Amino acid sequence: MPPARTMTTILTLPTTHEGTRAALDPEDAAYYARLAQFVQPVETTEGQVVEILSRLQPGAGRAALLLGPTGSGKSTFAESLAWRKHLGFARFWSIDCSELNASTKLDELTERLQDMCKKARQSKGRTAIAIDYLENLTGLNAQPFFQTLNGLLRKSPVFVLWPVTDTEQAERMVNDAKSVSNTIFDNSLPTLHFTGPDSKYFPAIATNAIGVFNSGRLLQEFMITPASLDELLQHTLSDINHPVTIRSFLERVHGHWAETSGHLDRLKDKLPRPNEVWIVFCHPKSEDLVGQFANKSRHVDSAWKAFHSKLWEYIPGTQRAGKWTSSRLQYAIEGALTTRIIHMSPQSVVSATLAYGDKKRMKDLSLSAPDGWEKGESARKHIKTTALYRQLTSKKPGRGKTPGGPAAKARENAERPFAELNTYLSGSGRDRHVNRAIAKTLSAALPDDYTVAPEQLHPWIPNITPDIRIDTPDGRQINLEFCYTNKQDEVWRVPDYTLDKLVDYMDQLDVYVGNPLVGAG
């Protein structure tokens, strides 16, 4: 019975400071460490903070307005003062003014500041304090508040950072403070003009944030690619109706995921069974080359999955560009299909061909192979050591090639017969004999609840005949496509062969589903 359909993985990507705090829990000991993984330092503003602090007498404090548009990351910047150690702050506290009573707001704010300044004087190092959600003092009697704040700053080692969004209101607040004292705000930098992190860092921030908020999951698990992030950044930069902020960008990223995942869920409803395409490379250096284009994770589910970014490098500016958008490639890798790029040792190919292939055709090959490789037991033994077999049976991937031992000796012994096999395969259509031999070996080696079918039309994807199709006990259909080339130093053959195979599958899926799977670039 086919497995039940699963919905697309839900993306957690907070776009506000409040959402970040709710998702990560500020009481968690690892909170600041997690913030540091995705918060991009704004060094220009940090430099202004350092400049203000350099003019302070020991034990004294200052306040500064942090002026910037909504969503630029002002609150996050204020909190970052706590873990940007070179700035010299020992701790960070914040006052949420939205919790204060409207009629006594400044009185309650004064009390909280008095309490915090007292604790700061009793502690080592300088304290950063943010005044949040009080972006203007309209209708409030500000003079008594600034008088008290002035006294606190004269004798407390604190730096009060006050996020605001309106330039006129910021100027009014500075003037109100100056009517009481010239030492509340720094004379040269009373207001720090803040635009947030440089937009060129937006894709990296989104990538890192997705990992932090989603237990280390990769972009591609959410149908998001580096190329799509670059495109979303261009949309953000060209939108004249909204300011360019990290929040507006993250909102676009989340919107892109929501749209794409909706398409994907509708698509999955139309597909009878999950299908995977495994591109299998077999020459002696294939493990090294495959490792450049696929994830060599120790986790079975993610092992050998194709890297979108590496394959995408071989598309723009080529004839393939007409067939691929960033989104379509991602659908092919982990959407409509799951694509893995994997390797199979030459000795397993040679032994399988000798044991289960056409004896007459393989007569010359047997002369250069070690004794015993033509036996079925030997072929099954060899194939069970391969990355291909381990992945089929959900075993953890091996730790890579060993420099010595039986496996290394077998690779060495396989070099000559494998080269001769490639000479034989250079004739058109002859690889089907090797495909069938490998299929027989796999059928003999795999448990009985696997079905192995070589060189047969796919049961529902039109006009697709995989080299070998394997139906697994958990309901997947795995389509193996083999590349037997012995041209070991041509790195481009991996993406070249992979992309050509994938476009065939995607074109035929378009026919099956009834509409293109292209999606937004």
Protein backbone atom coordinates (compact mmCIF):
# COMPACT_ATOMS: atom_id res chain seq x y z
CA MET A 1 0.00 0.00 0.00
CA PRO A 2 1.41 3.42 -0.93
CA PRO A 3 2.34 5.61 2.04
CA ALA A 4 0.01 8.38 3.15
CA ARG A 5 0.71 11.75 1.60
CA THR A 6 2.59 14.14 3.86
CA MET A 7 2.22 17.89 3.69
CA THR A 8 5.16 20.14 3.02
CA THR A 9 7.42 20.84 5.99
CA ILE A 10 6.19 23.94 7.82
CA LEU A 11 8.61 26.86 7.75
CA THR A 12 9.18 28.82 10.96
CA LEU A 13 10.65 32.22 10.12
CA PRO A 14 9.79 35.05 12.55
CA THR A 15 9.81 38.47 10.91
CA THR A 16 9.62 40.53 14.13
CA HIS A 17 11.77 40.85 17.22
CA GLU A 18 8.82 39.71 19.33
CA GLY A 19 8.45 36.60 17.19
CA THR A 20 12.14 35.84 17.55
CA ARG A 21 11.98 36.08 21.34
CA ALA A 22 8.89 33.88 21.44
CA ALA A 23 10.51 31.24 19.23
CA LEU A 24 13.90 31.14 20.96
CA ASP A 25 12.99 31.94 24.62
CA PRO A 26 15.27 34.64 26.11
CA GLU A 27 15.50 32.61 29.33
CA ASP A 28 17.30 29.81 27.49
CA ALA A 29 21.03 29.77 28.20
CA ALA A 30 21.73 29.39 24.48
CA TYR A 31 19.53 32.34 23.46
CA TYR A 32 22.29 34.82 22.61
CA ALA A 33 24.35 32.11 20.90
CA ARG A 34 21.40 31.35 18.62
CA LEU A 35 20.84 35.02 17.87
CA ALA A 36 24.49 35.38 16.94
CA GLN A 37 24.10 32.70 14.26
CA PHE A 38 21.83 34.82 12.08
CA VAL A 39 21.84 38.44 13.32
CA GLN A 40 24.10 40.45 11.04
CA PRO A 41 26.12 43.06 12.96
CA VAL A 42 25.61 46.67 11.86
CA GLU A 43 29.17 47.85 12.37
CA THR A 44 28.57 51.47 11.40
CA THR A 45 26.08 51.93 14.23
CA GLU A 46 28.24 49.89 16.58
CA GLY A 47 31.06 52.32 15.83
CA GLN A 48 28.85 55.25 16.80
CA VAL A 49 27.98 53.54 20.09
CA VAL A 50 31.68 53.06 20.81
CA GLU A 51 32.29 56.73 20.00
CA ILE A 52 29.64 57.86 22.49
CA LEU A 53 30.97 55.54 25.20
CA SER A 54 34.51 56.82 24.66
CA ARG A 55 33.42 60.29 25.78
CA LEU A 56 31.89 59.12 29.07
CA GLN A 57 33.41 59.57 32.48
CA PRO A 58 33.79 56.38 34.57
CA GLY A 59 30.52 55.47 36.26
CA ALA A 60 28.42 57.80 34.08
CA GLY A 61 25.91 57.02 31.37
CA ARG A 62 24.27 58.39 28.22
CA ALA A 63 21.12 57.94 26.18
CA ALA A 64 20.78 57.77 22.40
CA LEU A 65 17.81 57.61 20.08
CA LEU A 66 17.94 54.80 17.52
CA LEU A 67 16.06 56.24 14.53
CA GLY A 68 15.04 53.91 11.74
CA PRO A 69 12.07 52.56 9.78
CA THR A 70 9.81 49.87 11.16
CA GLY A 71 11.23 46.45 10.46
CA SER A 72 14.83 47.57 10.06
CA GLY A 73 15.94 45.58 13.12
CA LYS A 74 16.28 48.32 15.76
CA SER A 75 15.19 46.15 18.69
CA THR A 76 17.37 43.29 17.53
CA PHE A 77 20.34 45.64 17.24
CA ALA A 78 19.75 46.92 20.77
CA GLU A 79 19.70 43.35 22.10
CA SER A 80 22.84 42.47 20.16
CA LEU A 81 24.80 44.85 22.40
CA ALA A 82 24.75 42.08 25.00
CA TRP A 83 26.66 39.52 22.92
CA ARG A 84 28.86 41.76 20.77
CA LYS A 85 31.54 41.48 23.42
CA HIS A 86 33.95 44.00 21.89
CA LEU A 87 31.42 46.73 22.74
CA GLY A 88 32.05 46.13 26.41
CA PHE A 89 28.52 45.62 27.75
CA ALA A 90 28.13 43.17 30.58
CA ARG A 91 24.36 42.79 30.26
CA PHE A 92 21.24 43.91 28.41
CA TRP A 93 17.85 44.81 29.89
CA SER A 94 14.78 46.14 28.14
CA ILE A 95 11.64 47.97 29.25
CA ASP A 96 8.44 47.13 27.37
CA CYS A 97 6.50 50.38 27.55
CA SER A 98 3.44 48.77 25.98
CA GLU A 99 2.89 47.13 29.36
CA LEU A 100 2.74 50.49 31.18
CA ASN A 101 -0.45 52.33 32.10
CA ALA A 102 -1.23 55.05 29.55
CA SER A 103 -2.02 57.73 32.14
CA THR A 104 1.06 57.10 34.28
CA LYS A 105 3.43 55.81 31.59
CA LEU A 106 6.38 58.13 32.27
CA ASP A 107 6.06 57.69 36.04
CA GLU A 108 6.22 53.90 35.68
CA LEU A 109 9.07 54.16 33.18
CA THR A 110 10.96 56.36 35.65
CA GLU A 111 10.51 53.79 38.40
CA ARG A 112 11.81 50.97 36.22
CA LEU A 113 14.81 53.00 35.12
CA GLN A 114 15.59 53.89 38.74
CA ASP A 115 15.48 50.23 39.72
CA MET A 116 17.66 49.17 36.77
CA CYS A 117 20.21 51.93 37.36
CA LYS A 118 20.50 50.93 41.00
CA LYS A 119 21.19 47.31 39.99
CA ALA A 120 23.66 48.51 37.35
CA ARG A 121 25.63 50.47 39.96
CA GLN A 122 25.84 47.34 42.09
CA SER A 123 27.08 45.20 39.20
CA LYS A 124 30.37 44.99 37.33
CA GLY A 125 30.62 46.42 33.83
CA ARG A 126 28.36 48.63 31.80
CA THR A 127 24.66 47.88 31.29
CA ALA A 128 22.68 48.43 28.08
CA ILE A 129 19.01 49.35 28.54
CA ALA A 130 16.46 49.56 25.71
CA ILE A 131 13.24 51.58 26.00
CA ASP A 132 10.86 49.74 23.67
CA TYR A 133 7.43 50.74 22.31
CA LEU A 134 7.59 54.40 23.31
CA GLU A 135 8.31 56.13 20.03
CA ASN A 136 7.14 59.62 20.97
CA LEU A 137 6.20 61.65 24.04
CA THR A 138 3.19 63.44 22.56
CA GLY A 139 0.70 64.39 25.28
CA LEU A 140 3.08 63.42 28.07
CA ASN A 141 4.80 65.73 30.56
CA ALA A 142 8.38 64.95 29.54
CA GLN A 143 10.28 67.51 31.63
CA PRO A 144 10.09 65.68 35.02
CA PHE A 145 11.05 62.43 33.30
CA PHE A 146 14.16 63.94 31.66
CA GLN A 147 15.14 65.60 34.95
CA THR A 148 15.14 62.21 36.67
CA LEU A 149 16.87 60.51 33.73
CA ASN A 150 19.57 63.17 33.78
CA GLY A 151 20.29 62.45 37.45
CA LEU A 152 20.41 58.70 36.85
CA LEU A 153 22.80 59.01 33.90
CA ARG A 154 25.23 61.18 35.88
CA LYS A 155 25.89 58.40 38.39
CA SER A 156 25.02 55.11 36.63
CA PRO A 157 27.19 53.10 34.16
CA VAL A 158 24.36 52.57 31.69
CA PHE A 159 23.71 53.19 28.02
CA VAL A 160 20.04 53.81 27.26
CA LEU A 161 19.12 53.05 23.66
CA TRP A 162 15.70 54.34 22.61
CA PRO A 163 14.29 53.02 19.29
CA VAL A 164 12.08 55.51 17.39
CA THR A 165 10.74 55.74 13.83
CA ASP A 166 9.77 59.38 13.18
CA THR A 167 12.39 62.07 12.52
CA GLU A 168 10.27 64.99 13.77
CA GLN A 169 9.40 63.18 16.98
CA ALA A 170 13.07 62.30 17.51
CA GLU A 171 14.09 65.95 17.14
CA ARG A 172 11.36 67.00 19.58
CA MET A 173 12.53 64.45 22.18
CA VAL A 174 16.14 65.66 21.91
CA ASN A 175 15.01 69.29 22.31
CA ASP A 176 12.86 68.39 25.31
CA ALA A 177 15.87 66.73 26.91
CA LYS A 178 18.14 69.69 26.16
CA SER A 179 15.73 72.01 27.92
CA VAL A 180 16.65 70.07 31.07
CA SER A 181 20.32 69.21 30.44
CA ASN A 182 22.89 68.94 27.64
CA THR A 183 24.28 65.70 29.06
CA ILE A 184 21.34 63.30 28.63
CA PHE A 185 22.13 62.72 24.94
CA ASP A 186 25.58 62.92 23.41
CA ASN A 187 26.12 66.38 21.90
CA SER A 188 27.57 65.00 18.65
CA LEU A 189 25.42 61.88 18.30
CA PRO A 190 22.10 62.33 20.07
CA THR A 191 20.41 60.28 17.35
CA LEU A 192 21.82 57.20 15.63
CA HIS A 193 20.36 56.95 12.11
CA PHE A 194 19.76 53.24 11.62
CA THR A 195 18.91 51.48 8.37
CA GLY A 196 19.65 47.95 9.53
CA PRO A 197 22.00 45.39 7.98
CA ASP A 198 23.20 45.98 4.43
CA SER A 199 20.76 44.41 1.97
CA LYS A 200 23.53 42.30 0.46
CA TYR A 201 23.45 40.24 3.68
CA PHE A 202 19.70 39.59 3.55
CA PRO A 203 19.96 36.16 1.81
CA ALA A 204 22.59 34.98 4.30
CA ILE A 205 20.48 36.21 7.24
CA ALA A 206 17.46 34.33 5.90
CA THR A 207 19.48 31.16 5.29
CA ASN A 208 20.98 31.16 8.77
CA ALA A 209 17.70 32.11 10.45
CA ILE A 210 15.89 29.24 8.73
CA GLY A 211 18.50 26.84 10.10
CA VAL A 212 18.22 28.23 13.63
CA PHE A 213 14.42 28.33 13.78
CA ASN A 214 13.91 24.95 12.07
CA SER A 215 16.30 22.63 13.91
CA GLY A 216 19.10 22.92 11.39
CA ARG A 217 17.03 22.09 8.32
CA LEU A 218 18.39 23.21 4.97
CA LEU A 219 16.86 25.76 2.61
CA GLN A 220 16.00 23.13 0.03
CA GLU A 221 13.76 21.29 2.49
CA PHE A 222 11.42 24.28 2.24
CA MET A 223 11.66 24.58 -1.55
CA ILE A 224 13.83 27.68 -1.15
CA THR A 225 17.12 28.07 -3.01
CA PRO A 226 19.99 30.57 -2.94
CA ALA A 227 18.91 31.65 -6.42
CA SER A 228 15.33 32.28 -5.29
CA LEU A 229 16.63 34.32 -2.33
CA ASP A 230 18.61 36.47 -4.76
CA GLU A 231 15.49 36.98 -6.86
CA LEU A 232 13.43 37.90 -3.79
CA LEU A 233 16.12 40.40 -2.83
CA GLN A 234 15.83 42.07 -6.23
CA HIS A 235 12.05 42.27 -5.78
CA THR A 236 12.57 43.86 -2.36
CA LEU A 237 15.04 46.41 -3.71
CA SER A 238 12.80 47.37 -6.62
CA ASP A 239 9.60 47.80 -4.58
CA ILE A 240 9.14 51.60 -4.41
CA ASN A 241 6.11 51.27 -2.15
CA HIS A 242 7.95 49.74 0.82
CA PRO A 243 11.22 50.52 2.58
CA VAL A 244 14.06 48.06 2.08
CA THR A 245 14.23 46.35 5.47
CA ILE A 246 15.20 42.92 6.69
CA ARG A 247 11.59 42.43 7.81
CA SER A 248 10.17 43.15 4.36
CA PHE A 249 12.65 40.70 2.87
CA LEU A 250 11.87 37.93 5.37
CA GLU A 251 8.16 38.46 4.75
CA ARG A 252 8.79 37.90 1.04
CA VAL A 253 10.75 34.73 1.82
CA HIS A 254 7.94 33.37 3.96
CA GLY A 255 5.39 34.33 1.30
CA HIS A 256 7.46 32.56 -1.37
CA TRP A 257 7.52 29.41 0.77
CA ALA A 258 3.76 29.60 1.39
CA GLU A 259 3.03 29.91 -2.33
CA THR A 260 5.50 27.24 -3.37
CA SER A 261 4.43 24.77 -0.69
CA GLY A 262 0.81 25.26 -1.73
CA HIS A 263 1.72 24.35 -5.30
CA LEU A 264 3.71 21.39 -4.05
CA ASP A 265 0.91 20.03 -1.88
CA ARG A 266 -1.52 20.25 -4.80
CA LEU A 267 1.02 18.52 -7.00
CA LYS A 268 1.58 15.69 -4.52
CA ASP A 269 -2.14 15.04 -4.43
CA LYS A 270 -1.94 14.19 -8.14
CA LEU A 271 1.05 11.84 -7.91
CA PRO A 272 0.20 8.20 -7.11
CA ARG A 273 3.45 7.40 -5.29
CA PRO A 274 6.61 9.20 -4.16
CA ASN A 275 9.34 8.94 -6.78
CA GLU A 276 13.06 9.33 -6.43
CA VAL A 277 15.62 9.61 -9.20
CA TRP A 278 19.09 8.38 -8.29
CA ILE A 279 21.87 9.28 -10.69
CA VAL A 280 24.54 6.61 -10.21
CA PHE A 281 28.19 7.15 -11.18
CA CYS A 282 30.46 4.13 -11.22
CA HIS A 283 34.08 4.94 -12.08
CA PRO A 284 36.96 4.74 -9.53
CA LYS A 285 36.86 8.46 -8.70
CA SER A 286 33.08 8.76 -8.67
CA GLU A 287 32.81 9.07 -4.89
CA ASP A 288 35.04 12.16 -4.91
CA LEU A 289 33.15 13.79 -7.79
CA VAL A 290 29.69 12.95 -6.47
CA GLY A 291 30.64 14.49 -3.13
CA GLN A 292 30.90 17.87 -4.84
CA PHE A 293 27.26 17.79 -5.94
CA ALA A 294 25.47 15.83 -3.22
CA ASN A 295 25.06 15.88 0.54
CA LYS A 296 27.37 13.34 2.20
CA SER A 297 25.29 13.39 5.37
CA ARG A 298 25.38 10.52 7.84
CA HIS A 299 21.58 10.75 8.07
CA VAL A 300 19.88 8.36 5.65
CA ASP A 301 17.04 10.68 4.66
CA SER A 302 19.33 13.52 3.57
CA ALA A 303 22.28 11.43 2.33
CA TRP A 304 23.27 11.94 -1.30
CA LYS A 305 20.52 14.47 -2.02
CA ALA A 306 21.58 16.74 -4.87
CA PHE A 307 22.79 20.25 -4.04
CA HIS A 308 20.64 22.81 -5.83
CA SER A 309 23.33 25.49 -5.72
CA LYS A 310 25.96 23.26 -7.32
CA LEU A 311 23.72 22.12 -10.16
CA TRP A 312 22.39 25.64 -10.70
CA GLU A 313 25.91 26.83 -11.52
CA TYR A 314 25.68 24.84 -14.77
CA ILE A 315 22.40 26.39 -15.96
CA PRO A 316 22.53 30.22 -16.35
CA GLY A 317 24.07 31.30 -19.65
CA THR A 318 23.74 27.84 -21.21
CA GLN A 319 21.23 26.17 -23.53
CA ARG A 320 19.69 24.58 -20.43
CA ALA A 321 18.45 27.96 -19.18
CA GLY A 322 15.37 27.62 -21.36
CA LYS A 323 14.34 24.49 -19.49
CA TRP A 324 15.18 25.43 -15.92
CA THR A 325 14.20 28.08 -13.44
CA SER A 326 15.48 28.00 -9.88
CA SER A 327 12.10 26.79 -8.64
CA ARG A 328 11.74 24.09 -11.27
CA LEU A 329 15.15 22.69 -10.40
CA GLN A 330 14.18 22.63 -6.74
CA TYR A 331 10.95 20.79 -7.60
CA ALA A 332 13.11 18.21 -9.39
CA ILE A 333 15.50 17.84 -6.46
CA GLU A 334 13.07 17.74 -3.57
CA GLY A 335 9.49 18.33 -4.60
CA ALA A 336 7.83 16.45 -7.41
CA LEU A 337 10.85 14.14 -7.21
CA THR A 338 13.63 13.48 -4.76
CA THR A 339 16.97 13.46 -6.54
CA ARG A 340 20.10 11.81 -5.20
CA ILE A 341 23.50 11.66 -6.85
CA ILE A 342 25.27 8.57 -5.62
CA HIS A 343 28.22 6.35 -6.47
CA MET A 344 28.76 2.64 -6.98
CA SER A 345 32.16 0.99 -6.84
CA PRO A 346 33.72 -0.30 -10.09
CA GLN A 347 34.36 -3.72 -8.52
CA SER A 348 30.63 -4.13 -7.82
CA VAL A 349 29.79 -3.26 -11.45
CA VAL A 350 32.40 -5.65 -12.81
CA SER A 351 31.45 -8.52 -10.49
CA ALA A 352 27.70 -8.06 -11.12
CA THR A 353 28.29 -8.03 -14.88
CA LEU A 354 30.42 -11.20 -14.72
CA ALA A 355 28.06 -13.08 -12.40
CA TYR A 356 24.68 -12.13 -13.83
CA GLY A 357 25.46 -10.81 -17.32
CA ASP A 358 25.66 -12.50 -20.69
CA LYS A 359 28.54 -14.97 -20.33
CA LYS A 360 29.42 -14.90 -24.02
CA ARG A 361 29.51 -11.12 -24.17
CA MET A 362 31.57 -10.92 -20.96
CA LYS A 363 34.10 -13.61 -21.89
CA ASP A 364 37.00 -11.20 -22.47
CA LEU A 365 36.13 -9.27 -19.33
CA SER A 366 36.48 -12.38 -17.17
CA LEU A 367 40.09 -12.82 -18.29
CA SER A 368 41.22 -9.60 -16.59
CA ALA A 369 39.09 -9.89 -13.44
CA PRO A 370 40.23 -11.66 -10.25
CA ASP A 371 39.21 -15.27 -9.80
CA GLY A 372 35.84 -15.73 -8.17
CA TRP A 373 34.31 -12.40 -9.21
CA GLU A 374 32.11 -14.25 -11.69
CA LYS A 375 30.27 -16.02 -8.86
CA GLY A 376 26.89 -14.76 -7.68
CA GLU A 377 28.04 -14.84 -4.05
CA SER A 378 30.93 -12.51 -4.89
CA ALA A 379 28.69 -10.11 -6.83
CA ARG A 380 26.22 -9.92 -3.96
CA LYS A 381 29.03 -9.38 -1.46
CA HIS A 382 30.49 -6.52 -3.49
CA ILE A 383 27.19 -4.77 -4.09
CA LYS A 384 26.25 -4.89 -0.40
CA THR A 385 29.26 -2.70 0.40
CA THR A 386 28.19 0.08 -1.99
CA ALA A 387 26.66 3.43 -1.12
CA LEU A 388 23.83 2.51 -3.49
CA TYR A 389 22.87 -0.64 -1.58
CA ARG A 390 23.26 0.98 1.84
CA GLN A 391 20.94 3.81 0.80
CA LEU A 392 18.38 1.39 -0.64
CA THR A 393 18.28 -0.52 2.64
CA SER A 394 18.26 2.65 4.82
CA LYS A 395 21.65 2.01 6.37
CA LYS A 396 23.87 4.93 7.36
CA PRO A 397 26.34 5.90 4.63
CA GLY A 398 29.88 4.64 5.04
CA ARG A 399 32.71 6.91 6.10
CA GLY A 400 34.28 7.16 2.67
CA LYS A 401 37.07 5.37 0.89
CA THR A 402 39.73 3.69 2.99
CA PRO A 403 43.37 4.12 1.92
CA GLY A 404 44.08 0.42 2.42
CA GLY A 405 42.42 -2.91 3.17
CA PRO A 406 40.19 -5.21 1.11
CA ALA A 407 38.09 -2.42 -0.40
CA ALA A 408 41.15 -0.56 -1.66
CA LYS A 409 42.58 -3.77 -3.09
CA ALA A 410 39.28 -4.53 -4.83
CA ARG A 411 39.26 -1.04 -6.38
CA GLU A 412 42.74 -1.64 -7.68
CA ASN A 413 41.82 -5.07 -9.07
CA ALA A 414 38.78 -3.57 -10.80
CA GLU A 415 40.67 -0.90 -12.74
CA ARG A 416 41.61 -3.02 -15.78
CA PRO A 417 38.33 -4.96 -16.18
CA PHE A 418 36.32 -1.78 -15.61
CA ALA A 419 38.28 0.00 -18.34
CA GLU A 420 37.59 -2.94 -20.67
CA LEU A 421 33.91 -2.84 -19.71
CA ASN A 422 33.75 0.82 -20.70
CA THR A 423 35.28 0.00 -24.05
CA TYR A 424 32.50 -2.54 -24.53
CA LEU A 425 29.85 -0.01 -23.41
CA SER A 426 30.99 2.56 -25.95
CA GLY A 427 28.79 0.80 -28.50
CA SER A 428 25.22 2.16 -28.63
CA GLY A 429 22.69 0.34 -26.47
CA ARG A 430 25.09 -2.10 -24.88
CA ASP A 431 24.67 -0.64 -21.39
CA ARG A 432 21.30 -2.38 -21.10
CA HIS A 433 23.16 -5.66 -20.60
CA VAL A 434 25.02 -4.19 -17.63
CA ASN A 435 21.83 -2.62 -16.27
CA ARG A 436 20.13 -6.01 -16.33
CA ALA A 437 23.09 -7.68 -14.62
CA ILE A 438 23.09 -5.09 -11.84
CA ALA A 439 19.32 -5.47 -11.51
CA LYS A 440 19.67 -9.24 -11.07
CA THR A 441 22.41 -8.70 -8.48
CA LEU A 442 20.27 -6.23 -6.55
CA SER A 443 17.26 -8.51 -6.76
CA ALA A 444 19.30 -11.36 -5.30
CA ALA A 445 20.88 -9.18 -2.59
CA LEU A 446 17.88 -7.11 -1.45
CA PRO A 447 15.19 -8.44 0.92
CA ASP A 448 12.20 -10.15 -0.68
CA ASP A 449 9.86 -7.19 -0.18
CA TYR A 450 11.78 -5.08 -2.75
CA THR A 451 10.79 -5.28 -6.43
CA VAL A 452 13.51 -4.72 -9.04
CA ALA A 453 12.56 -4.03 -12.68
CA PRO A 454 15.24 -3.24 -15.31
CA GLU A 455 14.60 -1.40 -18.56
CA GLN A 456 10.80 -1.16 -18.19
CA LEU A 457 8.47 1.74 -18.91
CA HIS A 458 7.57 3.63 -15.76
CA PRO A 459 4.06 2.60 -14.64
CA TRP A 460 2.65 6.14 -14.72
CA ILE A 461 5.24 8.75 -15.75
CA PRO A 462 4.83 8.87 -19.56
CA ASN A 463 7.72 7.90 -21.84
CA ILE A 464 10.18 7.26 -19.01
CA THR A 465 12.18 4.02 -18.96
CA PRO A 466 14.61 4.02 -16.02
CA ASP A 467 17.71 1.88 -16.27
CA ILE A 468 16.36 0.13 -13.16
CA ARG A 469 13.22 0.84 -11.13
CA ILE A 470 13.01 -0.38 -7.55
CA ASP A 471 9.75 -0.42 -5.57
CA THR A 472 10.57 -0.27 -1.87
CA PRO A 473 8.62 -1.71 1.07
CA ASP A 474 7.72 1.81 2.25
CA GLY A 475 5.96 2.64 -1.01
CA ARG A 476 8.59 4.65 -2.90
CA GLN A 477 9.54 4.12 -6.52
CA ILE A 478 13.28 4.63 -6.98
CA ASN A 479 14.47 5.16 -10.53
CA LEU A 480 18.15 4.39 -11.04
CA GLU A 481 19.95 6.04 -13.96
CA PHE A 482 23.53 4.84 -14.48
CA CYS A 483 26.50 6.70 -15.94
CA TYR A 484 29.29 4.22 -16.69
CA THR A 485 31.86 6.62 -18.11
CA ASN A 486 35.48 6.04 -17.15
CA LYS A 487 36.47 9.67 -17.86
CA GLN A 488 37.28 10.28 -14.25
CA ASP A 489 38.59 13.85 -14.26
CA GLU A 490 35.73 15.52 -16.09
CA VAL A 491 33.81 17.06 -13.19
CA TRP A 492 31.23 18.60 -15.51
CA ARG A 493 29.91 15.16 -16.45
CA VAL A 494 28.13 14.88 -13.09
CA PRO A 495 25.89 17.96 -13.50
CA ASP A 496 25.68 17.43 -17.28
CA TYR A 497 24.31 13.90 -17.01
CA THR A 498 22.15 14.72 -13.97
CA LEU A 499 20.45 17.76 -15.48
CA ASP A 500 19.80 16.02 -18.80
CA LYS A 501 18.10 13.11 -17.02
CA LEU A 502 16.09 15.37 -14.73
CA VAL A 503 14.71 17.48 -17.55
CA ASP A 504 13.34 14.31 -19.15
CA TYR A 505 11.54 13.39 -15.94
CA MET A 506 10.21 16.90 -15.33
CA ASP A 507 8.96 17.30 -18.90
CA GLN A 508 7.04 14.05 -18.62
CA LEU A 509 5.66 14.94 -15.20
CA ASP A 510 4.35 18.14 -16.78
CA VAL A 511 2.50 15.95 -19.28
CA TYR A 512 1.15 13.71 -16.54
CA VAL A 513 -0.01 16.45 -14.18
CA GLY A 514 -1.47 18.52 -16.98
CA ASN A 515 0.25 21.84 -16.29
CA PRO A 516 3.84 23.02 -15.99
CA LEU A 517 5.76 22.56 -12.77
CA VAL A 518 7.83 25.63 -13.47
CA GLY A 519 6.53 27.99 -10.77
CA ALA A 520 8.00 31.39 -10.03
CA GLY A 521 11.73 31.66 -10.63
